[in-house]
Amino acid sequence: DGVTELVLDMAELLYLSSAGLRVVLAAQKRM
């Protein structure tokens, strides 16, 4: 709420599944 710029820093992310992709996509749609 109230955020106009979102940065997802994945420097330490080791694995991304389809469930994670869904959350990233939902965040993109909201932003």
All heavy atoms as atom14 arrays in JSON, in Angstrom:
{
  "sequence": "DGVTELVLDMAELLYLSSAGLRVVLAAQKRM",
  "atom14_mask": [
    [1, 1, 1, 1, 1, 1, 1, 1, 0, 0, 0, 0, 0, 0],
    [1, 1, 1, 1, 0, 0, 0, 0, 0, 0, 0, 0, 0, 0],
    [1, 1, 1, 1, 1, 1, 1, 0, 0, 0, 0, 0, 0, 0],
    [1, 1, 1, 1, 1, 1, 1, 0, 0, 0, 0, 0, 0, 0],
    [1, 1, 1, 1, 1, 1, 1, 1, 1, 0, 0, 0, 0, 0],
    [1, 1, 1, 1, 1, 1, 1, 1, 0, 0, 0, 0, 0, 0],
    [1, 1, 1, 1, 1, 1, 1, 0, 0, 0, 0, 0, 0, 0],
    [1, 1, 1, 1, 1, 1, 1, 1, 0, 0, 0, 0, 0, 0],
    [1, 1, 1, 1, 1, 1, 1, 1, 0, 0, 0, 0, 0, 0],
    [1, 1, 1, 1, 1, 1, 1, 1, 0, 0, 0, 0, 0, 0],
    [1, 1, 1, 1, 1, 0, 0, 0, 0, 0, 0, 0, 0, 0],
    [1, 1, 1, 1, 1, 1, 1, 1, 1, 0, 0, 0, 0, 0],
    [1, 1, 1, 1, 1, 1, 1, 1, 0, 0, 0, 0, 0, 0],
    [1, 1, 1, 1, 1, 1, 1, 1, 0, 0, 0, 0, 0, 0],
    [1, 1, 1, 1, 1, 1, 1, 1, 1, 1, 1, 1, 0, 0],
    [1, 1, 1, 1, 1, 1, 1, 1, 0, 0, 0, 0, 0, 0],
    [1, 1, 1, 1, 1, 1, 0, 0, 0, 0, 0, 0, 0, 0],
    [1, 1, 1, 1, 1, 1, 0, 0, 0, 0, 0, 0, 0, 0],
    [1, 1, 1, 1, 1, 0, 0, 0, 0, 0, 0, 0, 0, 0],
    [1, 1, 1, 1, 0, 0, 0, 0, 0, 0, 0, 0, 0, 0],
    [1, 1, 1, 1, 1, 1, 1, 1, 0, 0, 0, 0, 0, 0],
    [1, 1, 1, 1, 1, 1, 1, 1, 1, 1, 1, 0, 0, 0],
    [1, 1, 1, 1, 1, 1, 1, 0, 0, 0, 0, 0, 0, 0],
    [1, 1, 1, 1, 1, 1, 1, 0, 0, 0, 0, 0, 0, 0],
    [1, 1, 1, 1, 1, 1, 1, 1, 0, 0, 0, 0, 0, 0],
    [1, 1, 1, 1, 1, 0, 0, 0, 0, 0, 0, 0, 0, 0],
    [1, 1, 1, 1, 1, 0, 0, 0, 0, 0, 0, 0, 0, 0],
    [1, 1, 1, 1, 1, 1, 1, 1, 1, 0, 0, 0, 0, 0],
    [1, 1, 1, 1, 1, 1, 1, 1, 1, 0, 0, 0, 0, 0],
    [1, 1, 1, 1, 1, 1, 1, 1, 1, 1, 1, 0, 0, 0],
    [1, 1, 1, 1, 1, 1, 1, 1, 0, 0, 0, 0, 0, 0]
  ],
  "atom14_positions": [
    [[0.84, -1.2, 0.0], [0.0, 0.0, 0.0], [0.88, 1.25, 0.0], [1.75, 1.41, 0.85], [-0.93, 0.03, 1.22], [-2.08, -0.97, 1.08], [-2.34, -1.42, -0.04], [-2.69, -1.29, 2.11], [0.0, 0.0, 0.0], [0.0, 0.0, 0.0], [0.0, 0.0, 0.0], [0.0, 0.0, 0.0], [0.0, 0.0, 0.0], [0.0, 0.0, 0.0]],
    [[0.67, 2.12, -0.97], [1.42, 3.37, -1.06], [2.78, 3.25, -1.71], [3.47, 4.25, -1.91], [0.0, 0.0, 0.0], [0.0, 0.0, 0.0], [0.0, 0.0, 0.0], [0.0, 0.0, 0.0], [0.0, 0.0, 0.0], [0.0, 0.0, 0.0], [0.0, 0.0, 0.0], [0.0, 0.0, 0.0], [0.0, 0.0, 0.0], [0.0, 0.0, 0.0]],
    [[3.2, 2.03, -2.06], [4.5, 1.82, -2.7], [4.37, 2.08, -4.2], [3.46, 1.56, -4.84], [5.01, 0.38, -2.44], [6.26, 0.09, -3.26], [5.28, 0.17, -0.96], [0.0, 0.0, 0.0], [0.0, 0.0, 0.0], [0.0, 0.0, 0.0], [0.0, 0.0, 0.0], [0.0, 0.0, 0.0], [0.0, 0.0, 0.0], [0.0, 0.0, 0.0]],
    [[5.26, 2.9, -4.74], [5.25, 3.16, -6.18], [6.44, 2.51, -6.88], [6.46, 2.42, -8.11], [5.26, 4.67, -6.48], [6.42, 5.25, -5.88], [4.0, 5.34, -5.94], [0.0, 0.0, 0.0], [0.0, 0.0, 0.0], [0.0, 0.0, 0.0], [0.0, 0.0, 0.0], [0.0, 0.0, 0.0], [0.0, 0.0, 0.0], [0.0, 0.0, 0.0]],
    [[7.43, 2.07, -6.12], [8.58, 1.38, -6.69], [8.91, 0.18, -5.83], [9.24, 0.31, -4.65], [9.78, 2.31, -6.78], [10.96, 1.68, -7.47], [12.17, 2.6, -7.59], [12.05, 3.79, -7.27], [13.22, 2.1, -8.0], [0.0, 0.0, 0.0], [0.0, 0.0, 0.0], [0.0, 0.0, 0.0], [0.0, 0.0, 0.0], [0.0, 0.0, 0.0]],
    [[8.83, -1.0, -6.43], [9.15, -2.26, -5.74], [10.37, -2.88, -6.39], [10.43, -3.0, -7.62], [7.97, -3.23, -5.81], [8.22, -4.64, -5.26], [8.53, -4.61, -3.76], [7.02, -5.54, -5.54], [0.0, 0.0, 0.0], [0.0, 0.0, 0.0], [0.0, 0.0, 0.0], [0.0, 0.0, 0.0], [0.0, 0.0, 0.0], [0.0, 0.0, 0.0]],
    [[11.34, -3.25, -5.57], [12.54, -3.94, -6.05], [12.58, -5.3, -5.38], [12.56, -5.39, -4.15], [13.83, -3.15, -5.73], [15.06, -3.94, -6.18], [13.8, -1.77, -6.37], [0.0, 0.0, 0.0], [0.0, 0.0, 0.0], [0.0, 0.0, 0.0], [0.0, 0.0, 0.0], [0.0, 0.0, 0.0], [0.0, 0.0, 0.0], [0.0, 0.0, 0.0]],
    [[12.6, -6.36, -6.19], [12.81, -7.71, -5.67], [14.26, -8.07, -5.92], [14.68, -8.26, -7.06], [11.89, -8.72, -6.36], [10.41, -8.62, -6.08], [9.65, -9.72, -6.83], [10.11, -8.71, -4.6], [0.0, 0.0, 0.0], [0.0, 0.0, 0.0], [0.0, 0.0, 0.0], [0.0, 0.0, 0.0], [0.0, 0.0, 0.0], [0.0, 0.0, 0.0]],
    [[15.03, -8.14, -4.84], [16.46, -8.45, -4.93], [16.63, -9.96, -4.75], [16.36, -10.5, -3.68], [17.22, -7.68, -3.84], [18.72, -7.88, -3.93], [19.17, -8.82, -4.61], [19.44, -7.09, -3.3], [0.0, 0.0, 0.0], [0.0, 0.0, 0.0], [0.0, 0.0, 0.0], [0.0, 0.0, 0.0], [0.0, 0.0, 0.0], [0.0, 0.0, 0.0]],
    [[17.06, -10.62, -5.81], [17.18, -12.08, -5.8], [18.63, -12.55, -5.72], [18.94, -13.68, -6.09], [16.49, -12.66, -7.03], [15.0, -12.38, -7.07], [14.19, -13.28, -8.4], [12.47, -12.9, -8.03], [0.0, 0.0, 0.0], [0.0, 0.0, 0.0], [0.0, 0.0, 0.0], [0.0, 0.0, 0.0], [0.0, 0.0, 0.0], [0.0, 0.0, 0.0]],
    [[19.52, -11.71, -5.19], [20.94, -12.05, -5.13], [21.18, -13.35, -4.36], [22.08, -14.13, -4.71], [21.73, -10.91, -4.48], [0.0, 0.0, 0.0], [0.0, 0.0, 0.0], [0.0, 0.0, 0.0], [0.0, 0.0, 0.0], [0.0, 0.0, 0.0], [0.0, 0.0, 0.0], [0.0, 0.0, 0.0], [0.0, 0.0, 0.0], [0.0, 0.0, 0.0]],
    [[20.38, -13.61, -3.33], [20.59, -14.79, -2.48], [19.51, -15.85, -2.69], [19.4, -16.78, -1.9], [20.63, -14.37, -1.01], [21.72, -13.38, -0.67], [23.12, -13.95, -0.86], [23.31, -15.14, -0.6], [24.01, -13.19, -1.29], [0.0, 0.0, 0.0], [0.0, 0.0, 0.0], [0.0, 0.0, 0.0], [0.0, 0.0, 0.0], [0.0, 0.0, 0.0]],
    [[18.7, -15.69, -3.75], [17.65, -16.67, -4.03], [18.26, -17.84, -4.81], [18.88, -17.64, -5.84], [16.51, -16.03, -4.82], [15.23, -16.86, -4.93], [14.58, -17.03, -3.56], [14.25, -16.2, -5.89], [0.0, 0.0, 0.0], [0.0, 0.0, 0.0], [0.0, 0.0, 0.0], [0.0, 0.0, 0.0], [0.0, 0.0, 0.0], [0.0, 0.0, 0.0]],
    [[18.07, -19.04, -4.29], [18.7, -20.22, -4.88], [17.78, -21.0, -5.81], [18.25, -21.7, -6.7], [19.18, -21.16, -3.76], [20.11, -20.54, -2.72], [20.36, -21.52, -1.59], [21.4, -20.09, -3.37], [0.0, 0.0, 0.0], [0.0, 0.0, 0.0], [0.0, 0.0, 0.0], [0.0, 0.0, 0.0], [0.0, 0.0, 0.0], [0.0, 0.0, 0.0]],
    [[16.47, -20.9, -5.58], [15.52, -21.73, -6.32], [14.2, -20.99, -6.44], [13.77, -20.32, -5.51], [15.32, -23.06, -5.57], [14.29, -23.95, -6.2], [14.59, -24.74, -7.31], [13.0, -24.02, -5.69], [13.64, -25.56, -7.89], [12.04, -24.84, -6.26], [12.37, -25.61, -7.36], [11.42, -26.42, -7.93], [0.0, 0.0, 0.0], [0.0, 0.0, 0.0]],
    [[13.54, -21.15, -7.59], [12.25, -20.52, -7.85], [11.34, -21.53, -8.53], [11.66, -22.01, -9.62], [12.44, -19.29, -8.74], [11.21, -18.5, -9.13], [10.56, -17.85, -7.91], [11.55, -17.44, -10.15], [0.0, 0.0, 0.0], [0.0, 0.0, 0.0], [0.0, 0.0, 0.0], [0.0, 0.0, 0.0], [0.0, 0.0, 0.0], [0.0, 0.0, 0.0]],
    [[10.22, -21.87, -7.87], [9.28, -22.84, -8.43], [8.12, -22.11, -9.11], [8.03, -20.88, -9.08], [8.73, -23.73, -7.32], [7.78, -23.02, -6.55], [0.0, 0.0, 0.0], [0.0, 0.0, 0.0], [0.0, 0.0, 0.0], [0.0, 0.0, 0.0], [0.0, 0.0, 0.0], [0.0, 0.0, 0.0], [0.0, 0.0, 0.0], [0.0, 0.0, 0.0]],
    [[7.19, -22.88, -9.67], [6.02, -22.28, -10.3], [5.17, -21.52, -9.29], [4.57, -20.49, -9.62], [5.19, -23.35, -11.01], [4.75, -24.33, -10.08], [0.0, 0.0, 0.0], [0.0, 0.0, 0.0], [0.0, 0.0, 0.0], [0.0, 0.0, 0.0], [0.0, 0.0, 0.0], [0.0, 0.0, 0.0], [0.0, 0.0, 0.0], [0.0, 0.0, 0.0]],
    [[5.13, -21.99, -8.06], [4.39, -21.26, -7.01], [5.03, -19.9, -6.75], [4.34, -18.9, -6.56], [4.34, -22.08, -5.72], [0.0, 0.0, 0.0], [0.0, 0.0, 0.0], [0.0, 0.0, 0.0], [0.0, 0.0, 0.0], [0.0, 0.0, 0.0], [0.0, 0.0, 0.0], [0.0, 0.0, 0.0], [0.0, 0.0, 0.0], [0.0, 0.0, 0.0]],
    [[6.35, -19.85, -6.78], [7.06, -18.59, -6.62], [6.83, -17.67, -7.81], [6.66, -16.46, -7.65], [0.0, 0.0, 0.0], [0.0, 0.0, 0.0], [0.0, 0.0, 0.0], [0.0, 0.0, 0.0], [0.0, 0.0, 0.0], [0.0, 0.0, 0.0], [0.0, 0.0, 0.0], [0.0, 0.0, 0.0], [0.0, 0.0, 0.0], [0.0, 0.0, 0.0]],
    [[6.82, -18.25, -9.01], [6.54, -17.46, -10.21], [5.17, -16.8, -10.13], [5.0, -15.65, -10.52], [6.61, -18.34, -11.46], [8.0, -18.73, -11.95], [7.89, -19.79, -13.03], [8.76, -17.52, -12.45], [0.0, 0.0, 0.0], [0.0, 0.0, 0.0], [0.0, 0.0, 0.0], [0.0, 0.0, 0.0], [0.0, 0.0, 0.0], [0.0, 0.0, 0.0]],
    [[4.19, -17.52, -9.6], [2.83, -16.98, -9.48], [2.82, -15.75, -8.58], [2.19, -14.75, -8.89], [1.89, -18.06, -8.93], [0.45, -17.62, -8.85], [-0.42, -18.65, -8.16], [0.02, -18.98, -6.81], [-0.19, -18.21, -5.74], [-0.82, -17.07, -5.86], [0.24, -18.59, -4.56], [0.0, 0.0, 0.0], [0.0, 0.0, 0.0], [0.0, 0.0, 0.0]],
    [[3.56, -15.81, -7.47], [3.62, -14.67, -6.55], [4.33, -13.48, -7.19], [3.9, -12.34, -7.06], [4.32, -15.08, -5.22], [4.5, -13.88, -4.31], [3.51, -16.17, -4.52], [0.0, 0.0, 0.0], [0.0, 0.0, 0.0], [0.0, 0.0, 0.0], [0.0, 0.0, 0.0], [0.0, 0.0, 0.0], [0.0, 0.0, 0.0], [0.0, 0.0, 0.0]],
    [[5.42, -13.75, -7.92], [6.13, -12.68, -8.62], [5.23, -12.04, -9.66], [5.18, -10.81, -9.79], [7.44, -13.22, -9.24], [8.09, -12.18, -10.14], [8.42, -13.67, -8.16], [0.0, 0.0, 0.0], [0.0, 0.0, 0.0], [0.0, 0.0, 0.0], [0.0, 0.0, 0.0], [0.0, 0.0, 0.0], [0.0, 0.0, 0.0], [0.0, 0.0, 0.0]],
    [[4.48, -12.85, -10.4], [3.57, -12.32, -11.41], [2.46, -11.48, -10.78], [2.12, -10.41, -11.29], [2.97, -13.46, -12.23], [2.01, -13.05, -13.34], [2.71, -12.15, -14.35], [1.42, -14.28, -14.02], [0.0, 0.0, 0.0], [0.0, 0.0, 0.0], [0.0, 0.0, 0.0], [0.0, 0.0, 0.0], [0.0, 0.0, 0.0], [0.0, 0.0, 0.0]],
    [[1.92, -11.94, -9.66], [0.88, -11.18, -8.97], [1.42, -9.83, -8.5], [0.74, -8.8, -8.6], [0.33, -11.98, -7.79], [0.0, 0.0, 0.0], [0.0, 0.0, 0.0], [0.0, 0.0, 0.0], [0.0, 0.0, 0.0], [0.0, 0.0, 0.0], [0.0, 0.0, 0.0], [0.0, 0.0, 0.0], [0.0, 0.0, 0.0], [0.0, 0.0, 0.0]],
    [[2.66, -9.82, -8.01], [3.28, -8.56, -7.59], [3.47, -7.64, -8.78], [3.22, -6.42, -8.68], [4.62, -8.84, -6.91], [0.0, 0.0, 0.0], [0.0, 0.0, 0.0], [0.0, 0.0, 0.0], [0.0, 0.0, 0.0], [0.0, 0.0, 0.0], [0.0, 0.0, 0.0], [0.0, 0.0, 0.0], [0.0, 0.0, 0.0], [0.0, 0.0, 0.0]],
    [[3.88, -8.19, -9.92], [4.06, -7.38, -11.13], [2.74, -6.77, -11.56], [2.67, -5.59, -11.9], [4.65, -8.24, -12.26], [4.85, -7.48, -13.55], [5.88, -6.37, -13.42], [7.04, -6.65, -13.15], [5.47, -5.14, -13.6], [0.0, 0.0, 0.0], [0.0, 0.0, 0.0], [0.0, 0.0, 0.0], [0.0, 0.0, 0.0], [0.0, 0.0, 0.0]],
    [[1.68, -7.56, -11.55], [0.36, -7.05, -11.95], [-0.09, -5.93, -11.03], [-0.63, -4.91, -11.49], [-0.67, -8.18, -11.96], [-0.52, -9.11, -13.12], [-1.58, -10.19, -13.1], [-1.47, -11.08, -14.32], [-2.5, -12.13, -14.32], [0.0, 0.0, 0.0], [0.0, 0.0, 0.0], [0.0, 0.0, 0.0], [0.0, 0.0, 0.0], [0.0, 0.0, 0.0]],
    [[0.13, -6.09, -9.73], [-0.27, -5.05, -8.79], [0.55, -3.78, -9.0], [0.03, -2.67, -9.01], [-0.13, -5.53, -7.35], [-0.53, -4.48, -6.35], [-0.8, -5.0, -5.0], [-1.11, -3.91, -4.08], [-1.19, -4.05, -2.78], [-1.05, -5.24, -2.24], [-1.45, -3.01, -2.02], [0.0, 0.0, 0.0], [0.0, 0.0, 0.0], [0.0, 0.0, 0.0]],
    [[1.86, -3.94, -9.2], [2.72, -2.79, -9.39], [2.47, -2.1, -10.72], [2.7, -0.9, -10.85], [4.19, -3.17, -9.23], [4.59, -3.53, -7.81], [4.07, -2.33, -6.54], [4.98, -0.88, -7.07], [0.0, 0.0, 0.0], [0.0, 0.0, 0.0], [0.0, 0.0, 0.0], [0.0, 0.0, 0.0], [0.0, 0.0, 0.0], [0.0, 0.0, 0.0]]
  ]
}
